Each structure stands twice: as C-alpha cells, then as structure tokens.
Amino acid sequence: MNKFFVIAALGTTPELRHTPSGTAVLDLLLAGERHIVGHDGQERSLPFYIRAEAMGKIAENLNERNYQQGDVLLIDGTAEYAEWNDRNIENAKATTVRLKPIGTVRKLEGAFQVTQDNGNNTRLVGGVNRMQLVGNLVADVEVKDTTSGAVATLRLAVNEKYKNREGQMVEKTHWFRVSVWREQAEALRGVKKGTAVYVEGALSDDDWKDDQGRDRRSKIIEAASVAVVAPFSGAARPQGQPASAPTQSAQNGPARPTQQQRAPSPQGVTGPDLPPEEQDLPF
C-alpha cells in the first residue's frame, strides 16, 4: 500500500515543463497546516509544504484546468522517494518524498482562510496531510529515550510495480523514514528487519545535522498509527509488548521536539525543503 491524501492550497501557480525526453511534468506546491495537541495539552499549528508532481497526460490535463496560486485542491495518489547529489555539499546525497497525483485531483469551492508566508507562497490555514504505507523494515527498529519520551525510527521499503513505456512490468522500491513517539515507540521495541508494517501519518520536514555539523533537511513520516502486519520469521516479540502499536488519532498525536516543530517556509519554489530543478534530478 502506498497512498496519500492531501487538502491544501497551491503555494504557487503550477508551471508545465518537459523532461529532455519530452515528457510533460506539472509541479504543484501544496501548502497547509496541521493542528495537533501535544502531550502537554497545548494546541500547535505545524505548517507543511509538499511537492506534488504530475507527469505525462495527467500533467497536460491538469495544466488545462488553469489552477492558480491560492486554489484549494483535494489530491490523492502515491508517494515517491527521490535521491540526488546535493549541489551544496560535496559527496553528499539529498533526498525528498514527492507526491504523484494519479487519483482524484479536484478544486474545492468555498470560503477558505489562507495566509502568505515570507516566501510569498500561499498556505491554507488548516488542511489534511495523510499518508498510508505498507512495507517491510530494512533495519531493526531503533528506539531512543529522550526527555520528551521514547522515539522510534523505522526505515521502510515499499515496492511499486508498473508498466514502462515498452509495456514491460518493472518494480521500483521507495524508501521512507518514519518516526513514532512514546507508547507506540515502546510497543515497537525489538521489532526486527524484514517485518511488514502498516504506517499512517503525515509527511513532514526533518531538520538535522550531519557528522560535520552541517544543517541538512529531508522528509519523514510522522506516524499517528503503526501496526505490525506480518512479523518477520524468527523475530522475537518483546515480552509483555503487543504485536501492534495502539492506534492514536492524529489530533492527539505527540508533539515533536522543538527543533522538529519548526517547519520553515520555503524561500520560493526552489527553497531548501524542495527538490532542485530538473537538470539536477536523475531521469
């Protein structure tokens, strides 16, 4: 399973471009806010900025709809992992998760409240940012204890099968990083590489420092619910722990540490939390 569902405003007016091979590509910057209640009972508003990328006939069809900056769209589709050479840091990789609208794309009518950020992007006050994934762990679950509670990191591989231009069935693997907090993290102690898990959560920015102290950014899934679908053969479940983490609604989801709560607005379409232009991406 690899699904996303987003309701957000267009941060900028979409622009149609073409790859060197002539494939049409329409870039959509989706911007909104998630409202959560942290473990301290305080309500928080977390801005999100997501790049969606339509290709081929879908891109051409959407371009004919003449969507404009500030339009509120409902979009569903699949998530794709992308990696390329970081143009700012030598011998380093940059990664992101792009959304591909292959299902419903619809403009919502109504009196929506929007705001402008410092990069002149339009952002919906509110919205929906939901991802659902089923995949296999490529490493044992890592659980660390922090002053805000236990946090688990999951590294998930999700396989996608599709037909290429020649009509041949090919398989592509997408790699996702997932963070899980507190009780759900505790329930995942001891879960092993190879285990199949279901994840539901929101796509978010993850700011971190590399080994040389340089600021880096990537995309991470902040999980609201995680469940073991099929334990890996031979994996021992920790004594006294359930086979799946308890479901927790997004509204009651845990707050991230202060560093993670800051979701800086992108400084324009090629801001630091968005992938580079086409010439820097592998095709």
C-alpha atoms as a PDB file:
ATOM      1  CA  MET A   1       0.000   0.000   0.000  1.00  0.00           C
ATOM      2  CA  ASN A   2       1.246   3.450  -0.909  1.00  0.00           C
ATOM      3  CA  LYS A   3      -1.395   6.171  -0.681  1.00  0.00           C
ATOM      4  CA  PHE A   4      -1.580   9.833   0.166  1.00  0.00           C
ATOM      5  CA  PHE A   5      -4.494  12.189   0.638  1.00  0.00           C
ATOM      6  CA  VAL A   6      -3.942  15.945   0.843  1.00  0.00           C
ATOM      7  CA  ILE A   7      -6.168  19.001   1.093  1.00  0.00           C
ATOM      8  CA  ALA A   8      -4.043  22.141   0.770  1.00  0.00           C
ATOM      9  CA  ALA A   9      -3.655  25.427  -1.065  1.00  0.00           C
ATOM     10  CA  LEU A  10      -1.447  25.859  -4.104  1.00  0.00           C
ATOM     11  CA  GLY A  11       1.545  27.762  -2.799  1.00  0.00           C
ATOM     12  CA  THR A  12       2.374  28.987  -6.296  1.00  0.00           C
ATOM     13  CA  THR A  13       0.739  28.849  -9.719  1.00  0.00           C
ATOM     14  CA  PRO A  14       1.696  25.498 -11.325  1.00  0.00           C
ATOM     15  CA  GLU A  15       4.032  25.586 -14.309  1.00  0.00           C
ATOM     16  CA  LEU A  16       4.228  22.939 -17.008  1.00  0.00           C
ATOM     17  CA  ARG A  17       7.706  21.819 -18.064  1.00  0.00           C
ATOM     18  CA  HIS A  18       9.137  18.965 -20.121  1.00  0.00           C
ATOM     19  CA  THR A  19      11.912  16.470 -19.469  1.00  0.00           C
ATOM     20  CA  PRO A  20      14.724  16.054 -22.033  1.00  0.00           C
ATOM     21  CA  SER A  21      12.775  13.121 -23.474  1.00  0.00           C
ATOM     22  CA  GLY A  22       9.685  15.315 -23.948  1.00  0.00           C
ATOM     23  CA  THR A  23       7.519  14.072 -21.067  1.00  0.00           C
ATOM     24  CA  ALA A  24       5.212  16.753 -19.658  1.00  0.00           C
ATOM     25  CA  VAL A  25       5.688  17.482 -15.931  1.00  0.00           C
ATOM     26  CA  LEU A  26       3.478  19.727 -13.796  1.00  0.00           C
ATOM     27  CA  ASP A  27       4.891  20.785 -10.422  1.00  0.00           C
ATOM     28  CA  LEU A  28       2.405  21.536  -7.656  1.00  0.00           C
ATOM     29  CA  LEU A  29       3.484  23.127  -4.371  1.00  0.00           C
ATOM     30  CA  LEU A  30       0.878  22.186  -1.736  1.00  0.00           C
ATOM     31  CA  ALA A  31       0.840  24.179   1.488  1.00  0.00           C
ATOM     32  CA  GLY A  32      -1.298  23.871   4.595  1.00  0.00           C
ATOM     33  CA  GLU A  33      -1.206  23.465   8.355  1.00  0.00           C
ATOM     34  CA  ARG A  34      -1.674  20.522  10.682  1.00  0.00           C
ATOM     35  CA  HIS A  35      -3.266  21.261  14.023  1.00  0.00           C
ATOM     36  CA  ILE A  36      -2.253  18.866  16.792  1.00  0.00           C
ATOM     37  CA  VAL A  37      -2.493  18.719  20.564  1.00  0.00           C
ATOM     38  CA  GLY A  38       0.821  17.857  22.186  1.00  0.00           C
ATOM     39  CA  HIS A  39       1.364  15.659  25.215  1.00  0.00           C
ATOM     40  CA  ASP A  40       1.396  18.844  27.310  1.00  0.00           C
ATOM     41  CA  GLY A  41      -2.165  19.632  26.213  1.00  0.00           C
ATOM     42  CA  GLN A  42      -1.106  22.637  24.146  1.00  0.00           C
ATOM     43  CA  GLU A  43      -2.507  23.020  20.632  1.00  0.00           C
ATOM     44  CA  ARG A  44       0.065  23.600  17.935  1.00  0.00           C
ATOM     45  CA  SER A  45      -0.115  24.571  14.293  1.00  0.00           C
ATOM     46  CA  LEU A  46       2.537  22.924  12.117  1.00  0.00           C
ATOM     47  CA  PRO A  47       2.881  24.274   8.551  1.00  0.00           C
ATOM     48  CA  PHE A  48       3.575  21.760   5.800  1.00  0.00           C
ATOM     49  CA  TYR A  49       4.880  22.208   2.265  1.00  0.00           C
ATOM     50  CA  ILE A  50       4.707  19.266  -0.136  1.00  0.00           C
ATOM     51  CA  ARG A  51       5.797  18.977  -3.731  1.00  0.00           C
ATOM     52  CA  ALA A  52       3.400  17.007  -5.929  1.00  0.00           C
ATOM     53  CA  GLU A  53       4.489  16.084  -9.426  1.00  0.00           C
ATOM     54  CA  ALA A  54       2.118  15.005 -12.211  1.00  0.00           C
ATOM     55  CA  MET A  55       3.565  13.531 -15.380  1.00  0.00           C
ATOM     56  CA  GLY A  56       2.523  12.735 -18.926  1.00  0.00           C
ATOM     57  CA  LYS A  57      -1.118  13.012 -19.908  1.00  0.00           C
ATOM     58  CA  ILE A  58      -2.143  13.663 -16.307  1.00  0.00           C
ATOM     59  CA  ALA A  59       0.129  16.725 -16.248  1.00  0.00           C
ATOM     60  CA  GLU A  60      -1.284  18.023 -19.531  1.00  0.00           C
ATOM     61  CA  ASN A  61      -4.856  17.504 -18.340  1.00  0.00           C
ATOM     62  CA  LEU A  62      -4.255  19.322 -15.056  1.00  0.00           C
ATOM     63  CA  ASN A  63      -2.483  22.168 -16.826  1.00  0.00           C
ATOM     64  CA  GLU A  64      -5.607  22.740 -18.958  1.00  0.00           C
ATOM     65  CA  ARG A  65      -7.606  23.353 -15.768  1.00  0.00           C
ATOM     66  CA  ASN A  66      -5.625  26.559 -15.229  1.00  0.00           C
ATOM     67  CA  TYR A  67      -5.194  26.207 -11.469  1.00  0.00           C
ATOM     68  CA  GLN A  68      -3.883  29.356  -9.785  1.00  0.00           C
ATOM     69  CA  GLN A  69      -1.939  30.192  -6.642  1.00  0.00           C
ATOM     70  CA  GLY A  70      -4.271  30.040  -3.643  1.00  0.00           C
ATOM     71  CA  ASP A  71      -6.687  27.488  -5.122  1.00  0.00           C
ATOM     72  CA  VAL A  72      -7.520  24.783  -2.571  1.00  0.00           C
ATOM     73  CA  LEU A  73      -7.130  21.279  -4.022  1.00  0.00           C
ATOM     74  CA  LEU A  74      -8.064  17.793  -2.890  1.00  0.00           C
ATOM     75  CA  ILE A  75      -5.494  15.325  -4.216  1.00  0.00           C
ATOM     76  CA  ASP A  76      -4.804  11.641  -3.764  1.00  0.00           C
ATOM     77  CA  GLY A  77      -2.169   9.420  -5.282  1.00  0.00           C
ATOM     78  CA  THR A  78       1.095   7.717  -4.331  1.00  0.00           C
ATOM     79  CA  ALA A  79       4.371   8.805  -2.730  1.00  0.00           C
ATOM     80  CA  GLU A  80       7.753   8.517  -4.448  1.00  0.00           C
ATOM     81  CA  TYR A  81      11.204   8.652  -2.908  1.00  0.00           C
ATOM     82  CA  ALA A  82      13.849  10.653  -4.800  1.00  0.00           C
ATOM     83  CA  GLU A  83      17.602  10.979  -4.242  1.00  0.00           C
ATOM     84  CA  TRP A  84      20.224  13.089  -5.995  1.00  0.00           C
ATOM     85  CA  ASN A  85      23.661  14.596  -5.447  1.00  0.00           C
ATOM     86  CA  ASP A  86      23.462  17.572  -3.120  1.00  0.00           C
ATOM     87  CA  ARG A  87      24.668  20.594  -5.100  1.00  0.00           C
ATOM     88  CA  ASN A  88      25.602  22.458  -1.907  1.00  0.00           C
ATOM     89  CA  ILE A  89      27.556  19.730  -0.107  1.00  0.00           C
ATOM     90  CA  GLU A  90      30.253  17.698  -1.835  1.00  0.00           C
ATOM     91  CA  ASN A  91      29.882  13.894  -1.735  1.00  0.00           C
ATOM     92  CA  ALA A  92      26.502  14.140  -0.031  1.00  0.00           C
ATOM     93  CA  LYS A  93      23.079  12.979  -1.084  1.00  0.00           C
ATOM     94  CA  ALA A  94      19.865  14.982  -0.824  1.00  0.00           C
ATOM     95  CA  THR A  95      16.540  13.190  -0.532  1.00  0.00           C
ATOM     96  CA  THR A  96      12.890  14.056  -0.626  1.00  0.00           C
ATOM     97  CA  VAL A  97       9.457  12.487  -0.983  1.00  0.00           C
ATOM     98  CA  ARG A  98       7.353  13.727  -3.895  1.00  0.00           C
ATOM     99  CA  LEU A  99       3.668  13.029  -4.323  1.00  0.00           C
ATOM    100  CA  LYS A 100       2.310  11.796  -7.642  1.00  0.00           C
ATOM    101  CA  PRO A 101      -1.364  12.642  -8.251  1.00  0.00           C
ATOM    102  CA  ILE A 102      -2.723   9.556 -10.003  1.00  0.00           C
ATOM    103  CA  GLY A 103      -6.188   9.537  -8.441  1.00  0.00           C
ATOM    104  CA  THR A 104      -8.540  12.410  -7.676  1.00  0.00           C
ATOM    105  CA  VAL A 105      -7.474  15.999  -8.251  1.00  0.00           C
ATOM    106  CA  ARG A 106     -10.289  18.420  -7.570  1.00  0.00           C
ATOM    107  CA  LYS A 107     -10.578  22.109  -6.764  1.00  0.00           C
ATOM    108  CA  LEU A 108     -12.661  22.743  -3.663  1.00  0.00           C
ATOM    109  CA  GLU A 109     -15.067  25.645  -3.633  1.00  0.00           C
ATOM    110  CA  GLY A 110     -15.791  27.666  -0.529  1.00  0.00           C
ATOM    111  CA  ALA A 111     -14.567  30.458   1.712  1.00  0.00           C
ATOM    112  CA  PHE A 112     -11.191  29.117   2.828  1.00  0.00           C
ATOM    113  CA  GLN A 113      -8.798  31.040   5.035  1.00  0.00           C
ATOM    114  CA  VAL A 114      -5.305  31.336   3.564  1.00  0.00           C
ATOM    115  CA  THR A 115      -2.151  33.185   4.545  1.00  0.00           C
ATOM    116  CA  GLN A 116       1.073  34.329   2.848  1.00  0.00           C
ATOM    117  CA  ASP A 117       4.441  33.181   4.162  1.00  0.00           C
ATOM    118  CA  ASN A 118       7.764  35.009   3.996  1.00  0.00           C
ATOM    119  CA  GLY A 119       8.500  33.449   0.611  1.00  0.00           C
ATOM    120  CA  ASN A 120       5.242  34.816  -0.880  1.00  0.00           C
ATOM    121  CA  ASN A 121       3.769  31.318  -1.003  1.00  0.00           C
ATOM    122  CA  THR A 122       0.077  30.907  -0.186  1.00  0.00           C
ATOM    123  CA  ARG A 123      -0.765  28.467   2.621  1.00  0.00           C
ATOM    124  CA  LEU A 124      -4.127  27.086   3.695  1.00  0.00           C
ATOM    125  CA  VAL A 125      -4.955  27.681   7.368  1.00  0.00           C
ATOM    126  CA  GLY A 126      -5.832  24.064   8.091  1.00  0.00           C
ATOM    127  CA  GLY A 127      -5.878  21.171   5.653  1.00  0.00           C
ATOM    128  CA  VAL A 128      -5.192  17.443   5.538  1.00  0.00           C
ATOM    129  CA  ASN A 129      -1.812  15.719   5.145  1.00  0.00           C
ATOM    130  CA  ARG A 130      -2.226  11.946   5.377  1.00  0.00           C
ATOM    131  CA  MET A 131      -0.084   9.066   4.140  1.00  0.00           C
ATOM    132  CA  GLN A 132      -0.726   5.318   4.357  1.00  0.00           C
ATOM    133  CA  LEU A 133       2.070   2.846   3.691  1.00  0.00           C
ATOM    134  CA  VAL A 134       2.578  -0.903   3.956  1.00  0.00           C
ATOM    135  CA  GLY A 135       6.148  -2.092   3.546  1.00  0.00           C
ATOM    136  CA  ASN A 136       8.994  -4.048   5.065  1.00  0.00           C
ATOM    137  CA  LEU A 137      11.546  -2.811   7.557  1.00  0.00           C
ATOM    138  CA  VAL A 138      15.044  -2.673   6.095  1.00  0.00           C
ATOM    139  CA  ALA A 139      16.597  -2.424   9.567  1.00  0.00           C
ATOM    140  CA  ASP A 140      15.698  -3.271  13.144  1.00  0.00           C
ATOM    141  CA  VAL A 141      13.559  -0.623  14.818  1.00  0.00           C
ATOM    142  CA  GLU A 142      15.685   1.882  16.720  1.00  0.00           C
ATOM    143  CA  VAL A 143      14.165   3.190  19.954  1.00  0.00           C
ATOM    144  CA  LYS A 144      15.783   6.011  21.897  1.00  0.00           C
ATOM    145  CA  ASP A 145      14.761   7.563  25.192  1.00  0.00           C
ATOM    146  CA  THR A 146      14.524  11.364  25.232  1.00  0.00           C
ATOM    147  CA  THR A 147      13.299  13.937  27.712  1.00  0.00           C
ATOM    148  CA  SER A 148      10.045  14.041  25.703  1.00  0.00           C
ATOM    149  CA  GLY A 149       9.612  10.259  25.821  1.00  0.00           C
ATOM    150  CA  ALA A 150      10.667   7.298  23.714  1.00  0.00           C
ATOM    151  CA  VAL A 151      11.066   7.826  19.973  1.00  0.00           C
ATOM    152  CA  ALA A 152      11.376   5.022  17.412  1.00  0.00           C
ATOM    153  CA  THR A 153      12.815   5.322  13.918  1.00  0.00           C
ATOM    154  CA  LEU A 154      11.547   2.971  11.213  1.00  0.00           C
ATOM    155  CA  ARG A 155      13.216   2.553   7.839  1.00  0.00           C
ATOM    156  CA  LEU A 156      10.624   1.247   5.432  1.00  0.00           C
ATOM    157  CA  ALA A 157      10.843  -0.143   1.899  1.00  0.00           C
ATOM    158  CA  VAL A 158       7.673  -0.003  -0.214  1.00  0.00           C
ATOM    159  CA  ASN A 159       7.669  -1.736  -3.600  1.00  0.00           C
ATOM    160  CA  GLU A 160       5.835  -0.308  -6.606  1.00  0.00           C
ATOM    161  CA  LYS A 161       5.070  -2.301  -9.756  1.00  0.00           C
ATOM    162  CA  TYR A 162       4.129  -0.588 -13.005  1.00  0.00           C
ATOM    163  CA  LYS A 163       4.420  -0.893 -16.776  1.00  0.00           C
ATOM    164  CA  ASN A 164       7.071   1.142 -18.554  1.00  0.00           C
ATOM    165  CA  ARG A 165       6.741   2.724 -21.987  1.00  0.00           C
ATOM    166  CA  GLU A 166       7.600  -0.586 -23.611  1.00  0.00           C
ATOM    167  CA  GLY A 167       4.753  -2.287 -21.785  1.00  0.00           C
ATOM    168  CA  GLN A 168       7.090  -4.302 -19.571  1.00  0.00           C
ATOM    169  CA  MET A 169       6.308  -4.773 -15.886  1.00  0.00           C
ATOM    170  CA  VAL A 170       9.032  -3.238 -13.717  1.00  0.00           C
ATOM    171  CA  GLU A 171       9.454  -2.882  -9.985  1.00  0.00           C
ATOM    172  CA  LYS A 172      10.747   0.139  -8.087  1.00  0.00           C
ATOM    173  CA  THR A 173      11.469   0.432  -4.384  1.00  0.00           C
ATOM    174  CA  HIS A 174      10.699   3.591  -2.416  1.00  0.00           C
ATOM    175  CA  TRP A 175      12.477   4.242   0.876  1.00  0.00           C
ATOM    176  CA  PHE A 176      10.746   6.051   3.719  1.00  0.00           C
ATOM    177  CA  ARG A 177      11.831   7.083   7.191  1.00  0.00           C
ATOM    178  CA  VAL A 178       9.166   7.046   9.894  1.00  0.00           C
ATOM    179  CA  SER A 179       9.207   8.497  13.408  1.00  0.00           C
ATOM    180  CA  VAL A 180       6.990   7.114  16.188  1.00  0.00           C
ATOM    181  CA  TRP A 181       6.664   8.554  19.693  1.00  0.00           C
ATOM    182  CA  ARG A 182       6.029   7.426  23.264  1.00  0.00           C
ATOM    183  CA  GLU A 183       3.663   4.485  23.847  1.00  0.00           C
ATOM    184  CA  GLN A 184       3.721   3.439  20.211  1.00  0.00           C
ATOM    185  CA  ALA A 185       7.509   3.628  20.171  1.00  0.00           C
ATOM    186  CA  GLU A 186       7.711   1.486  23.309  1.00  0.00           C
ATOM    187  CA  ALA A 187       5.464  -1.122  21.662  1.00  0.00           C
ATOM    188  CA  LEU A 188       7.895  -1.401  18.734  1.00  0.00           C
ATOM    189  CA  ARG A 189      10.980  -2.286  20.777  1.00  0.00           C
ATOM    190  CA  GLY A 190      12.534  -5.446  19.411  1.00  0.00           C
ATOM    191  CA  VAL A 191      10.734  -5.435  16.047  1.00  0.00           C
ATOM    192  CA  LYS A 192      13.182  -6.815  13.505  1.00  0.00           C
ATOM    193  CA  LYS A 193      14.337  -6.168   9.980  1.00  0.00           C
ATOM    194  CA  GLY A 194      12.045  -7.767   7.401  1.00  0.00           C
ATOM    195  CA  THR A 195       8.840  -7.266   9.407  1.00  0.00           C
ATOM    196  CA  ALA A 196       5.879  -5.983   7.396  1.00  0.00           C
ATOM    197  CA  VAL A 197       4.229  -2.932   8.972  1.00  0.00           C
ATOM    198  CA  TYR A 198       1.356  -0.559   8.273  1.00  0.00           C
ATOM    199  CA  VAL A 199       2.006   3.147   8.833  1.00  0.00           C
ATOM    200  CA  GLU A 200      -0.428   6.053   8.793  1.00  0.00           C
ATOM    201  CA  GLY A 201       0.820   9.572   9.371  1.00  0.00           C
ATOM    202  CA  ALA A 202       1.808  12.916   7.895  1.00  0.00           C
ATOM    203  CA  LEU A 203       4.670  13.907   5.614  1.00  0.00           C
ATOM    204  CA  SER A 204       6.896  16.403   7.409  1.00  0.00           C
ATOM    205  CA  ASP A 205      10.278  18.118   7.236  1.00  0.00           C
ATOM    206  CA  ASP A 206      13.102  16.684   9.322  1.00  0.00           C
ATOM    207  CA  ASP A 207      15.933  19.109  10.166  1.00  0.00           C
ATOM    208  CA  TRP A 208      19.169  17.518  11.359  1.00  0.00           C
ATOM    209  CA  LYS A 209      22.938  17.926  11.440  1.00  0.00           C
ATOM    210  CA  ASP A 210      25.362  15.579   9.711  1.00  0.00           C
ATOM    211  CA  ASP A 211      28.636  14.278  11.161  1.00  0.00           C
ATOM    212  CA  GLN A 212      30.369  17.537  10.266  1.00  0.00           C
ATOM    213  CA  GLY A 213      27.752  19.739  11.934  1.00  0.00           C
ATOM    214  CA  ARG A 214      26.156  20.919   8.678  1.00  0.00           C
ATOM    215  CA  ASP A 215      22.433  21.646   8.584  1.00  0.00           C
ATOM    216  CA  ARG A 216      20.526  19.099   6.495  1.00  0.00           C
ATOM    217  CA  ARG A 217      16.883  18.523   5.685  1.00  0.00           C
ATOM    218  CA  SER A 218      14.887  15.549   4.435  1.00  0.00           C
ATOM    219  CA  LYS A 219      11.316  14.281   4.515  1.00  0.00           C
ATOM    220  CA  ILE A 220       9.992  11.992   7.226  1.00  0.00           C
ATOM    221  CA  ILE A 221       6.638  10.375   8.008  1.00  0.00           C
ATOM    222  CA  GLU A 222       5.359  11.396  11.442  1.00  0.00           C
ATOM    223  CA  ALA A 223       3.294   8.359  12.363  1.00  0.00           C
ATOM    224  CA  ALA A 224      -0.080   8.614  14.058  1.00  0.00           C
ATOM    225  CA  SER A 225      -0.629   4.854  13.868  1.00  0.00           C
ATOM    226  CA  VAL A 226       1.707   1.884  13.335  1.00  0.00           C
ATOM    227  CA  ALA A 227       0.799  -1.810  13.281  1.00  0.00           C
ATOM    228  CA  VAL A 228       2.768  -4.970  12.603  1.00  0.00           C
ATOM    229  CA  VAL A 229       1.132  -6.702   9.643  1.00  0.00           C
ATOM    230  CA  ALA A 230       3.326  -9.801   9.438  1.00  0.00           C
ATOM    231  CA  PRO A 231       6.167 -10.385  11.916  1.00  0.00           C
ATOM    232  CA  PHE A 232       9.446 -11.453  10.376  1.00  0.00           C
ATOM    233  CA  SER A 233      10.014 -15.179  10.749  1.00  0.00           C
ATOM    234  CA  GLY A 234      12.176 -15.817  13.789  1.00  0.00           C
ATOM    235  CA  ALA A 235      11.757 -12.313  15.204  1.00  0.00           C
ATOM    236  CA  ALA A 236      11.101 -12.431  18.918  1.00  0.00           C
ATOM    237  CA  ARG A 237       8.408 -10.139  20.219  1.00  0.00           C
ATOM    238  CA  PRO A 238       9.439  -8.336  23.409  1.00  0.00           C
ATOM    239  CA  GLN A 239       7.829  -9.907  26.463  1.00  0.00           C
ATOM    240  CA  GLY A 240       4.732  -8.051  27.559  1.00  0.00           C
ATOM    241  CA  GLN A 241       4.542  -5.951  24.389  1.00  0.00           C
ATOM    242  CA  PRO A 242       1.640  -6.104  21.896  1.00  0.00           C
ATOM    243  CA  ALA A 243       2.089  -7.268  18.311  1.00  0.00           C
ATOM    244  CA  SER A 244       0.966  -3.863  17.079  1.00  0.00           C
ATOM    245  CA  ALA A 245       1.161  -0.357  18.425  1.00  0.00           C
ATOM    246  CA  PRO A 246      -2.088   1.129  19.727  1.00  0.00           C
ATOM    247  CA  THR A 247      -3.950   3.323  17.272  1.00  0.00           C
ATOM    248  CA  GLN A 248      -3.746   7.011  18.081  1.00  0.00           C
ATOM    249  CA  SER A 249      -5.590   9.745  16.252  1.00  0.00           C
ATOM    250  CA  ALA A 250      -3.622  12.488  14.560  1.00  0.00           C
ATOM    251  CA  GLN A 251      -5.350  15.091  16.715  1.00  0.00           C
ATOM    252  CA  ASN A 252      -3.856  13.509  19.820  1.00  0.00           C
ATOM    253  CA  GLY A 253      -0.529  12.741  18.221  1.00  0.00           C
ATOM    254  CA  PRO A 254       2.606  13.669  20.153  1.00  0.00           C
ATOM    255  CA  ALA A 255       4.382  16.933  19.546  1.00  0.00           C
ATOM    256  CA  ARG A 256       7.874  16.785  18.052  1.00  0.00           C
ATOM    257  CA  PRO A 257      10.871  18.234  19.889  1.00  0.00           C
ATOM    258  CA  THR A 258      11.361  21.967  19.459  1.00  0.00           C
ATOM    259  CA  GLN A 259      13.762  21.519  16.535  1.00  0.00           C
ATOM    260  CA  GLN A 260      11.227  19.386  14.680  1.00  0.00           C
ATOM    261  CA  GLN A 261       8.298  21.701  15.397  1.00  0.00           C
ATOM    262  CA  ARG A 262       9.861  24.439  13.340  1.00  0.00           C
ATOM    263  CA  ALA A 263       8.800  23.922   9.741  1.00  0.00           C
ATOM    264  CA  PRO A 264      10.392  26.855   7.922  1.00  0.00           C
ATOM    265  CA  SER A 265       8.540  28.280   4.975  1.00  0.00           C
ATOM    266  CA  PRO A 266      10.371  27.645   1.722  1.00  0.00           C
ATOM    267  CA  GLN A 267      12.055  30.724   0.299  1.00  0.00           C
ATOM    268  CA  GLY A 268      10.426  30.432  -3.089  1.00  0.00           C
ATOM    269  CA  VAL A 269       9.799  27.396  -5.253  1.00  0.00           C
ATOM    270  CA  THR A 270      13.411  26.186  -5.077  1.00  0.00           C
ATOM    271  CA  GLY A 271      13.661  26.642  -1.305  1.00  0.00           C
ATOM    272  CA  PRO A 272      15.692  24.302   0.903  1.00  0.00           C
ATOM    273  CA  ASP A 273      12.901  21.795   1.557  1.00  0.00           C
ATOM    274  CA  LEU A 274      12.080  21.342  -2.128  1.00  0.00           C
ATOM    275  CA  PRO A 275      13.999  19.311  -4.706  1.00  0.00           C
ATOM    276  CA  PRO A 276      16.268  21.111  -7.211  1.00  0.00           C
ATOM    277  CA  GLU A 277      15.325  21.879 -10.750  1.00  0.00           C
ATOM    278  CA  GLU A 278      15.012  19.230 -13.430  1.00  0.00           C
ATOM    279  CA  GLN A 279      18.610  19.313 -14.631  1.00  0.00           C
ATOM    280  CA  ASP A 280      19.791  18.161 -11.196  1.00  0.00           C
ATOM    281  CA  LEU A 281      17.422  15.199 -10.978  1.00  0.00           C
ATOM    282  CA  PRO A 282      18.097  11.732 -12.411  1.00  0.00           C
ATOM    283  CA  PHE A 283      15.695  10.559 -15.137  1.00  0.00           C
END
